[in-house]
Amino acid sequence: MSAKLRSLDALDRKILRALQQNARLSNAELAEQVGLSTTACWNRTRQLESEGFITGYVALLDQKKLGLADIVLLEVTLDRHEDDALARFGEELAALPEVLEAYLVSGEYDYLVKVAVDGTAGYERFLREKLYRIAGIRHSRSMFALRCMKQRASVEV
């Protein structure tokens, strides 16, 4: 049984929203935005980190400028479903730099994978040179994303 998480109050949520908008805010800038002293803001932010509400800070990169303008959503079914087969596939999939997200899912397919590639030629290379070299794939189905309607790095608070 897991420990019960504390509830977030309005100030915690203001801190989280401000950091979601700009994680590079200095503590003084953050404190001013949320209406706290710098010491109180520092303490609350560190508490949110230590309790796991904030799991890290990242730089979001422009994948188009990096030559990976296309997103492909890929559904994969494996031959076997034993724990070792699922774990091995998941580890090998996670090691591929084109893979942005990968989920073990319920339903007709075993995995849903989000991949960044350079067009259809880039996707073909990804399939032939990387994905299909992972043993145990029975079937896959892919869809090119035409337009992103919403993209968030984490949930909204």
N, C-alpha and C. Protein backbone atom coordinates (compact mmCIF):
# COMPACT_ATOMS: atom_id res chain seq x y z
N MET A 1 0.84 -1.18 0.00
CA MET A 1 0.00 0.00 0.00
C MET A 1 0.88 1.24 0.00
N SER A 2 0.62 2.19 -0.90
CA SER A 2 1.44 3.38 -0.99
C SER A 2 0.98 4.43 0.00
N ALA A 3 1.92 5.30 0.38
CA ALA A 3 1.60 6.38 1.30
C ALA A 3 0.69 7.38 0.60
N LYS A 4 -0.22 7.96 1.38
CA LYS A 4 -1.15 8.94 0.81
C LYS A 4 -0.40 10.23 0.50
N LEU A 5 -0.60 10.74 -0.70
CA LEU A 5 0.02 12.00 -1.10
C LEU A 5 -0.75 13.16 -0.50
N ARG A 6 -0.03 14.21 -0.15
CA ARG A 6 -0.69 15.40 0.37
C ARG A 6 -1.38 16.12 -0.79
N SER A 7 -2.37 16.90 -0.47
CA SER A 7 -3.06 17.70 -1.47
C SER A 7 -2.25 18.95 -1.78
N LEU A 8 -2.30 19.36 -3.00
CA LEU A 8 -1.64 20.61 -3.41
C LEU A 8 -2.56 21.78 -3.09
N ASP A 9 -2.01 22.83 -2.53
CA ASP A 9 -2.81 24.02 -2.29
C ASP A 9 -2.64 24.99 -3.48
N ALA A 10 -3.32 26.13 -3.40
CA ALA A 10 -3.32 27.08 -4.52
C ALA A 10 -1.91 27.60 -4.80
N LEU A 11 -1.10 27.83 -3.78
CA LEU A 11 0.27 28.32 -4.00
C LEU A 11 1.14 27.26 -4.68
N ASP A 12 1.00 26.01 -4.25
CA ASP A 12 1.74 24.93 -4.92
C ASP A 12 1.39 24.89 -6.40
N ARG A 13 0.11 24.98 -6.71
CA ARG A 13 -0.33 24.94 -8.10
C ARG A 13 0.18 26.14 -8.89
N LYS A 14 0.23 27.31 -8.27
CA LYS A 14 0.78 28.50 -8.95
C LYS A 14 2.26 28.28 -9.27
N ILE A 15 2.99 27.71 -8.33
CA ILE A 15 4.41 27.43 -8.56
C ILE A 15 4.57 26.44 -9.72
N LEU A 16 3.80 25.37 -9.69
CA LEU A 16 3.90 24.36 -10.75
C LEU A 16 3.54 24.93 -12.11
N ARG A 17 2.46 25.73 -12.17
CA ARG A 17 2.07 26.34 -13.45
C ARG A 17 3.15 27.28 -13.97
N ALA A 18 3.72 28.09 -13.09
CA ALA A 18 4.76 29.03 -13.51
C ALA A 18 5.98 28.27 -14.04
N LEU A 19 6.37 27.20 -13.35
CA LEU A 19 7.53 26.42 -13.80
C LEU A 19 7.24 25.66 -15.09
N GLN A 20 5.99 25.26 -15.30
CA GLN A 20 5.63 24.62 -16.57
C GLN A 20 5.78 25.61 -17.72
N GLN A 21 5.45 26.85 -17.48
CA GLN A 21 5.56 27.87 -18.53
C GLN A 21 7.02 28.24 -18.79
N ASN A 22 7.83 28.29 -17.72
CA ASN A 22 9.23 28.68 -17.87
C ASN A 22 10.03 28.09 -16.71
N ALA A 23 10.64 26.96 -16.94
CA ALA A 23 11.41 26.29 -15.89
C ALA A 23 12.73 26.99 -15.61
N ARG A 24 13.07 27.99 -16.40
CA ARG A 24 14.33 28.72 -16.20
C ARG A 24 14.16 29.95 -15.32
N LEU A 25 12.96 30.13 -14.76
CA LEU A 25 12.75 31.26 -13.85
C LEU A 25 13.71 31.16 -12.68
N SER A 26 14.28 32.30 -12.29
CA SER A 26 15.07 32.31 -11.06
C SER A 26 14.09 32.18 -9.89
N ASN A 27 14.59 31.83 -8.73
CA ASN A 27 13.73 31.72 -7.56
C ASN A 27 13.09 33.07 -7.26
N ALA A 28 13.84 34.17 -7.43
CA ALA A 28 13.29 35.51 -7.17
C ALA A 28 12.15 35.83 -8.13
N GLU A 29 12.32 35.48 -9.41
CA GLU A 29 11.26 35.72 -10.40
C GLU A 29 10.03 34.86 -10.09
N LEU A 30 10.27 33.62 -9.73
CA LEU A 30 9.17 32.71 -9.38
C LEU A 30 8.43 33.24 -8.16
N ALA A 31 9.16 33.63 -7.14
CA ALA A 31 8.54 34.14 -5.91
C ALA A 31 7.67 35.36 -6.21
N GLU A 32 8.16 36.24 -7.07
CA GLU A 32 7.39 37.43 -7.43
C GLU A 32 6.11 37.05 -8.16
N GLN A 33 6.21 36.10 -9.09
CA GLN A 33 5.03 35.68 -9.86
C GLN A 33 3.96 35.06 -8.98
N VAL A 34 4.36 34.29 -7.98
CA VAL A 34 3.37 33.57 -7.17
C VAL A 34 3.01 34.29 -5.88
N GLY A 35 3.70 35.40 -5.60
CA GLY A 35 3.35 36.19 -4.43
C GLY A 35 3.89 35.66 -3.12
N LEU A 36 5.10 35.13 -3.13
CA LEU A 36 5.74 34.62 -1.91
C LEU A 36 7.09 35.31 -1.71
N SER A 37 7.61 35.22 -0.50
CA SER A 37 9.00 35.65 -0.29
C SER A 37 9.91 34.65 -0.98
N THR A 38 11.14 35.05 -1.25
CA THR A 38 12.06 34.14 -1.93
C THR A 38 12.34 32.89 -1.08
N THR A 39 12.45 33.05 0.23
CA THR A 39 12.72 31.90 1.11
C THR A 39 11.54 30.93 1.10
N ALA A 40 10.32 31.44 1.23
CA ALA A 40 9.13 30.59 1.24
C ALA A 40 8.97 29.87 -0.11
N CYS A 41 9.25 30.60 -1.19
CA CYS A 41 9.14 30.00 -2.53
C CYS A 41 10.18 28.90 -2.70
N TRP A 42 11.41 29.17 -2.30
CA TRP A 42 12.49 28.18 -2.38
C TRP A 42 12.10 26.91 -1.61
N ASN A 43 11.60 27.09 -0.39
CA ASN A 43 11.23 25.95 0.44
C ASN A 43 10.09 25.14 -0.19
N ARG A 44 9.09 25.83 -0.70
CA ARG A 44 7.96 25.12 -1.33
C ARG A 44 8.39 24.37 -2.58
N THR A 45 9.22 25.02 -3.39
CA THR A 45 9.69 24.38 -4.62
C THR A 45 10.51 23.14 -4.28
N ARG A 46 11.41 23.24 -3.33
CA ARG A 46 12.22 22.08 -2.93
C ARG A 46 11.34 20.97 -2.36
N GLN A 47 10.28 21.33 -1.62
CA GLN A 47 9.36 20.33 -1.09
C GLN A 47 8.61 19.63 -2.23
N LEU A 48 8.18 20.40 -3.22
CA LEU A 48 7.50 19.80 -4.38
C LEU A 48 8.44 18.85 -5.11
N GLU A 49 9.72 19.19 -5.18
CA GLU A 49 10.71 18.29 -5.80
C GLU A 49 10.91 17.04 -4.94
N SER A 50 11.10 17.22 -3.65
CA SER A 50 11.38 16.06 -2.78
C SER A 50 10.20 15.12 -2.67
N GLU A 51 8.98 15.63 -2.80
CA GLU A 51 7.78 14.80 -2.76
C GLU A 51 7.45 14.19 -4.11
N GLY A 52 8.22 14.53 -5.15
CA GLY A 52 8.02 13.92 -6.46
C GLY A 52 7.00 14.59 -7.34
N PHE A 53 6.46 15.74 -6.93
CA PHE A 53 5.53 16.47 -7.81
C PHE A 53 6.29 17.05 -9.00
N ILE A 54 7.53 17.47 -8.77
CA ILE A 54 8.41 17.92 -9.85
C ILE A 54 9.47 16.83 -10.00
N THR A 55 9.50 16.21 -11.18
CA THR A 55 10.43 15.09 -11.38
C THR A 55 11.67 15.47 -12.16
N GLY A 56 11.73 16.69 -12.69
CA GLY A 56 12.90 17.13 -13.42
C GLY A 56 12.60 18.37 -14.23
N TYR A 57 13.64 18.89 -14.85
CA TYR A 57 13.55 20.08 -15.70
C TYR A 57 14.21 19.73 -17.02
N VAL A 58 13.59 20.15 -18.13
CA VAL A 58 14.11 19.78 -19.44
C VAL A 58 14.14 20.97 -20.38
N ALA A 59 14.94 20.85 -21.43
CA ALA A 59 14.91 21.77 -22.55
C ALA A 59 14.15 21.07 -23.67
N LEU A 60 13.12 21.71 -24.20
CA LEU A 60 12.35 21.13 -25.29
C LEU A 60 13.00 21.55 -26.60
N LEU A 61 13.31 20.58 -27.43
CA LEU A 61 14.03 20.84 -28.68
C LEU A 61 13.06 20.89 -29.86
N ASP A 62 13.39 21.67 -30.86
CA ASP A 62 12.59 21.77 -32.08
C ASP A 62 13.00 20.63 -33.00
N GLN A 63 12.18 19.59 -33.07
CA GLN A 63 12.56 18.41 -33.85
C GLN A 63 12.61 18.69 -35.35
N LYS A 64 11.85 19.67 -35.83
CA LYS A 64 11.93 20.03 -37.25
C LYS A 64 13.31 20.57 -37.58
N LYS A 65 13.84 21.43 -36.72
CA LYS A 65 15.16 22.00 -36.95
C LYS A 65 16.25 20.93 -36.83
N LEU A 66 15.95 19.86 -36.12
CA LEU A 66 16.90 18.76 -35.98
C LEU A 66 16.76 17.73 -37.10
N GLY A 67 15.86 17.99 -38.07
CA GLY A 67 15.71 17.11 -39.21
C GLY A 67 14.78 15.92 -38.97
N LEU A 68 13.95 16.01 -37.95
CA LEU A 68 13.02 14.92 -37.64
C LEU A 68 11.60 15.49 -37.56
N ALA A 69 11.13 16.01 -38.67
CA ALA A 69 9.88 16.78 -38.70
C ALA A 69 8.62 15.93 -38.59
N ASP A 70 8.71 14.64 -38.87
CA ASP A 70 7.50 13.81 -38.93
C ASP A 70 7.36 12.92 -37.70
N ILE A 71 6.12 12.79 -37.25
CA ILE A 71 5.79 11.90 -36.13
C ILE A 71 5.01 10.72 -36.68
N VAL A 72 5.43 9.54 -36.26
CA VAL A 72 4.73 8.32 -36.63
C VAL A 72 4.27 7.65 -35.34
N LEU A 73 3.01 7.24 -35.32
CA LEU A 73 2.46 6.46 -34.21
C LEU A 73 2.44 5.02 -34.67
N LEU A 74 3.07 4.18 -33.91
CA LEU A 74 3.32 2.81 -34.32
C LEU A 74 2.71 1.85 -33.29
N GLU A 75 1.92 0.91 -33.77
CA GLU A 75 1.37 -0.13 -32.92
C GLU A 75 2.13 -1.41 -33.20
N VAL A 76 2.55 -2.10 -32.15
CA VAL A 76 3.37 -3.30 -32.31
C VAL A 76 2.76 -4.44 -31.51
N THR A 77 2.70 -5.60 -32.13
CA THR A 77 2.30 -6.84 -31.46
C THR A 77 3.49 -7.78 -31.43
N LEU A 78 3.73 -8.38 -30.28
CA LEU A 78 4.84 -9.32 -30.14
C LEU A 78 4.37 -10.75 -30.31
N ASP A 79 5.34 -11.64 -30.62
CA ASP A 79 5.05 -13.07 -30.73
C ASP A 79 4.74 -13.68 -29.37
N ARG A 80 5.48 -13.23 -28.35
CA ARG A 80 5.35 -13.81 -27.00
C ARG A 80 5.00 -12.70 -26.01
N HIS A 81 4.37 -13.12 -24.92
CA HIS A 81 3.93 -12.15 -23.92
C HIS A 81 4.44 -12.46 -22.52
N GLU A 82 5.47 -13.30 -22.43
CA GLU A 82 6.07 -13.57 -21.13
C GLU A 82 6.79 -12.32 -20.65
N ASP A 83 6.95 -12.22 -19.35
CA ASP A 83 7.58 -11.03 -18.77
C ASP A 83 8.95 -10.73 -19.37
N ASP A 84 9.76 -11.77 -19.59
CA ASP A 84 11.10 -11.53 -20.13
C ASP A 84 11.05 -10.98 -21.55
N ALA A 85 10.11 -11.46 -22.37
CA ALA A 85 9.98 -10.97 -23.74
C ALA A 85 9.53 -9.51 -23.75
N LEU A 86 8.56 -9.18 -22.92
CA LEU A 86 8.08 -7.81 -22.84
C LEU A 86 9.18 -6.87 -22.33
N ALA A 87 9.90 -7.30 -21.32
CA ALA A 87 10.98 -6.47 -20.75
C ALA A 87 12.09 -6.26 -21.77
N ARG A 88 12.51 -7.31 -22.46
CA ARG A 88 13.58 -7.19 -23.44
C ARG A 88 13.17 -6.26 -24.57
N PHE A 89 11.96 -6.43 -25.09
CA PHE A 89 11.50 -5.56 -26.17
C PHE A 89 11.44 -4.11 -25.69
N GLY A 90 10.89 -3.88 -24.51
CA GLY A 90 10.79 -2.54 -23.97
C GLY A 90 12.15 -1.87 -23.82
N GLU A 91 13.14 -2.62 -23.34
CA GLU A 91 14.49 -2.08 -23.17
C GLU A 91 15.13 -1.73 -24.51
N GLU A 92 15.00 -2.63 -25.49
CA GLU A 92 15.59 -2.37 -26.81
C GLU A 92 14.90 -1.19 -27.51
N LEU A 93 13.59 -1.11 -27.35
CA LEU A 93 12.83 -0.01 -27.94
C LEU A 93 13.24 1.32 -27.31
N ALA A 94 13.37 1.35 -26.00
CA ALA A 94 13.73 2.57 -25.29
C ALA A 94 15.13 3.07 -25.67
N ALA A 95 15.98 2.19 -26.14
CA ALA A 95 17.34 2.57 -26.51
C ALA A 95 17.42 3.26 -27.88
N LEU A 96 16.34 3.23 -28.65
CA LEU A 96 16.35 3.83 -29.99
C LEU A 96 16.10 5.33 -29.87
N PRO A 97 17.01 6.16 -30.39
CA PRO A 97 16.88 7.62 -30.21
C PRO A 97 15.65 8.22 -30.90
N GLU A 98 15.14 7.60 -31.93
CA GLU A 98 13.96 8.12 -32.62
C GLU A 98 12.68 7.95 -31.80
N VAL A 99 12.71 7.03 -30.85
CA VAL A 99 11.52 6.75 -30.04
C VAL A 99 11.37 7.84 -28.98
N LEU A 100 10.27 8.59 -29.08
CA LEU A 100 9.98 9.65 -28.13
C LEU A 100 9.20 9.14 -26.93
N GLU A 101 8.27 8.23 -27.18
CA GLU A 101 7.44 7.65 -26.13
C GLU A 101 7.11 6.23 -26.52
N ALA A 102 6.97 5.36 -25.53
CA ALA A 102 6.58 3.98 -25.79
C ALA A 102 5.75 3.50 -24.60
N TYR A 103 4.62 2.89 -24.90
CA TYR A 103 3.70 2.43 -23.87
C TYR A 103 3.36 0.97 -24.09
N LEU A 104 3.38 0.18 -23.04
CA LEU A 104 2.80 -1.15 -23.04
C LEU A 104 1.31 -0.92 -22.82
N VAL A 105 0.47 -1.40 -23.74
CA VAL A 105 -0.96 -1.06 -23.71
C VAL A 105 -1.83 -2.30 -23.69
N SER A 106 -3.08 -2.08 -23.34
CA SER A 106 -4.08 -3.14 -23.44
C SER A 106 -4.71 -3.07 -24.83
N GLY A 107 -5.40 -4.11 -25.21
CA GLY A 107 -6.08 -4.09 -26.50
C GLY A 107 -5.42 -5.00 -27.52
N GLU A 108 -5.69 -4.72 -28.78
CA GLU A 108 -5.24 -5.56 -29.90
C GLU A 108 -3.72 -5.58 -30.04
N TYR A 109 -3.07 -4.47 -29.75
CA TYR A 109 -1.62 -4.36 -29.89
C TYR A 109 -0.98 -4.34 -28.51
N ASP A 110 0.30 -4.68 -28.45
CA ASP A 110 1.02 -4.72 -27.18
C ASP A 110 1.66 -3.38 -26.83
N TYR A 111 2.13 -2.65 -27.83
CA TYR A 111 2.84 -1.39 -27.61
C TYR A 111 2.29 -0.31 -28.51
N LEU A 112 2.27 0.91 -27.99
CA LEU A 112 2.02 2.10 -28.78
C LEU A 112 3.28 2.94 -28.67
N VAL A 113 3.84 3.30 -29.81
CA VAL A 113 5.15 3.94 -29.85
C VAL A 113 5.05 5.22 -30.68
N LYS A 114 5.63 6.30 -30.15
CA LYS A 114 5.69 7.58 -30.86
C LYS A 114 7.13 7.77 -31.33
N VAL A 115 7.30 7.95 -32.64
CA VAL A 115 8.62 8.00 -33.24
C VAL A 115 8.77 9.29 -34.04
N ALA A 116 9.95 9.93 -33.96
CA ALA A 116 10.27 11.11 -34.77
C ALA A 116 11.20 10.69 -35.89
N VAL A 117 10.82 11.00 -37.13
CA VAL A 117 11.61 10.59 -38.30
C VAL A 117 11.66 11.72 -39.32
N ASP A 118 12.50 11.52 -40.34
CA ASP A 118 12.61 12.46 -41.45
C ASP A 118 11.86 11.88 -42.64
N GLY A 119 10.55 12.07 -42.66
CA GLY A 119 9.71 11.65 -43.78
C GLY A 119 9.60 10.14 -43.93
N THR A 120 9.01 9.73 -45.06
CA THR A 120 8.79 8.31 -45.30
C THR A 120 10.11 7.56 -45.46
N ALA A 121 11.10 8.19 -46.08
CA ALA A 121 12.41 7.53 -46.25
C ALA A 121 13.06 7.32 -44.88
N GLY A 122 12.96 8.31 -44.01
CA GLY A 122 13.51 8.17 -42.67
C GLY A 122 12.79 7.10 -41.88
N TYR A 123 11.48 7.00 -42.08
CA TYR A 123 10.72 5.97 -41.38
C TYR A 123 11.09 4.58 -41.89
N GLU A 124 11.25 4.46 -43.20
CA GLU A 124 11.66 3.16 -43.75
C GLU A 124 13.01 2.74 -43.18
N ARG A 125 13.96 3.67 -43.09
CA ARG A 125 15.27 3.36 -42.50
C ARG A 125 15.12 2.93 -41.04
N PHE A 126 14.27 3.65 -40.29
CA PHE A 126 14.04 3.29 -38.89
C PHE A 126 13.50 1.86 -38.78
N LEU A 127 12.53 1.53 -39.64
CA LEU A 127 11.95 0.18 -39.60
C LEU A 127 13.00 -0.88 -39.94
N ARG A 128 13.66 -0.73 -41.10
CA ARG A 128 14.60 -1.75 -41.59
C ARG A 128 15.84 -1.87 -40.71
N GLU A 129 16.42 -0.72 -40.34
CA GLU A 129 17.72 -0.74 -39.67
C GLU A 129 17.63 -0.85 -38.15
N LYS A 130 16.47 -0.56 -37.59
CA LYS A 130 16.38 -0.55 -36.13
C LYS A 130 15.23 -1.39 -35.59
N LEU A 131 14.00 -0.98 -35.86
CA LEU A 131 12.86 -1.66 -35.22
C LEU A 131 12.80 -3.14 -35.59
N TYR A 132 12.87 -3.46 -36.87
CA TYR A 132 12.70 -4.85 -37.29
C TYR A 132 13.90 -5.73 -36.95
N ARG A 133 14.95 -5.15 -36.40
CA ARG A 133 16.08 -5.94 -35.91
C ARG A 133 15.87 -6.39 -34.47
N ILE A 134 14.80 -5.88 -33.84
CA ILE A 134 14.44 -6.34 -32.50
C ILE A 134 13.64 -7.62 -32.67
N ALA A 135 14.10 -8.68 -32.07
CA ALA A 135 13.45 -9.99 -32.21
C ALA A 135 12.08 -9.99 -31.52
N GLY A 136 11.17 -10.77 -32.09
CA GLY A 136 9.90 -11.03 -31.43
C GLY A 136 8.72 -10.23 -31.92
N ILE A 137 8.89 -9.40 -32.94
CA ILE A 137 7.76 -8.62 -33.46
C ILE A 137 6.95 -9.50 -34.39
N ARG A 138 5.66 -9.63 -34.11
CA ARG A 138 4.77 -10.40 -34.98
C ARG A 138 4.11 -9.49 -36.02
N HIS A 139 3.69 -8.31 -35.59
CA HIS A 139 2.93 -7.44 -36.48
C HIS A 139 3.11 -5.99 -36.03
N SER A 140 3.08 -5.08 -37.00
CA SER A 140 3.08 -3.66 -36.65
C SER A 140 2.17 -2.91 -37.61
N ARG A 141 1.71 -1.78 -37.14
CA ARG A 141 0.86 -0.91 -37.96
C ARG A 141 1.26 0.52 -37.63
N SER A 142 1.38 1.36 -38.65
CA SER A 142 1.83 2.71 -38.41
C SER A 142 0.92 3.75 -39.04
N MET A 143 0.95 4.94 -38.40
CA MET A 143 0.16 6.07 -38.87
C MET A 143 1.03 7.31 -38.78
N PHE A 144 1.14 8.05 -39.88
CA PHE A 144 1.84 9.33 -39.84
C PHE A 144 0.89 10.37 -39.26
N ALA A 145 1.37 11.14 -38.30
CA ALA A 145 0.58 12.24 -37.74
C ALA A 145 0.55 13.37 -38.77
N LEU A 146 -0.62 13.88 -39.06
CA LEU A 146 -0.75 14.97 -40.02
C LEU A 146 -0.57 16.33 -39.37
N ARG A 147 -1.07 16.47 -38.15
CA ARG A 147 -0.97 17.73 -37.42
C ARG A 147 -1.12 17.44 -35.93
N CYS A 148 -0.35 18.13 -35.12
CA CYS A 148 -0.46 17.99 -33.68
C CYS A 148 -1.49 19.00 -33.17
N MET A 149 -2.51 18.51 -32.51
CA MET A 149 -3.57 19.38 -32.00
C MET A 149 -3.25 19.89 -30.59
N LYS A 150 -2.51 19.10 -29.83
CA LYS A 150 -2.10 19.50 -28.48
C LYS A 150 -0.87 18.70 -28.10
N GLN A 151 0.09 19.39 -27.49
CA GLN A 151 1.30 18.73 -27.04
C GLN A 151 1.70 19.35 -25.72
N ARG A 152 1.86 18.54 -24.70
CA ARG A 152 2.26 19.01 -23.37
C ARG A 152 3.40 18.12 -22.89
N ALA A 153 4.32 18.71 -22.15
CA ALA A 153 5.41 17.93 -21.57
C ALA A 153 4.93 17.20 -20.32
N SER A 154 3.87 17.71 -19.67
CA SER A 154 3.30 17.04 -18.49
C SER A 154 1.86 17.49 -18.33
N VAL A 155 1.19 16.94 -17.34
CA VAL A 155 -0.21 17.29 -17.10
C VAL A 155 -0.34 18.74 -16.66
N GLU A 156 -1.48 19.31 -16.90
CA GLU A 156 -1.76 20.68 -16.47
C GLU A 156 -2.27 20.65 -15.04
N VAL A 157 -1.87 21.65 -14.26
CA VAL A 157 -2.35 21.74 -12.87
C VAL A 157 -3.21 22.96 -12.68
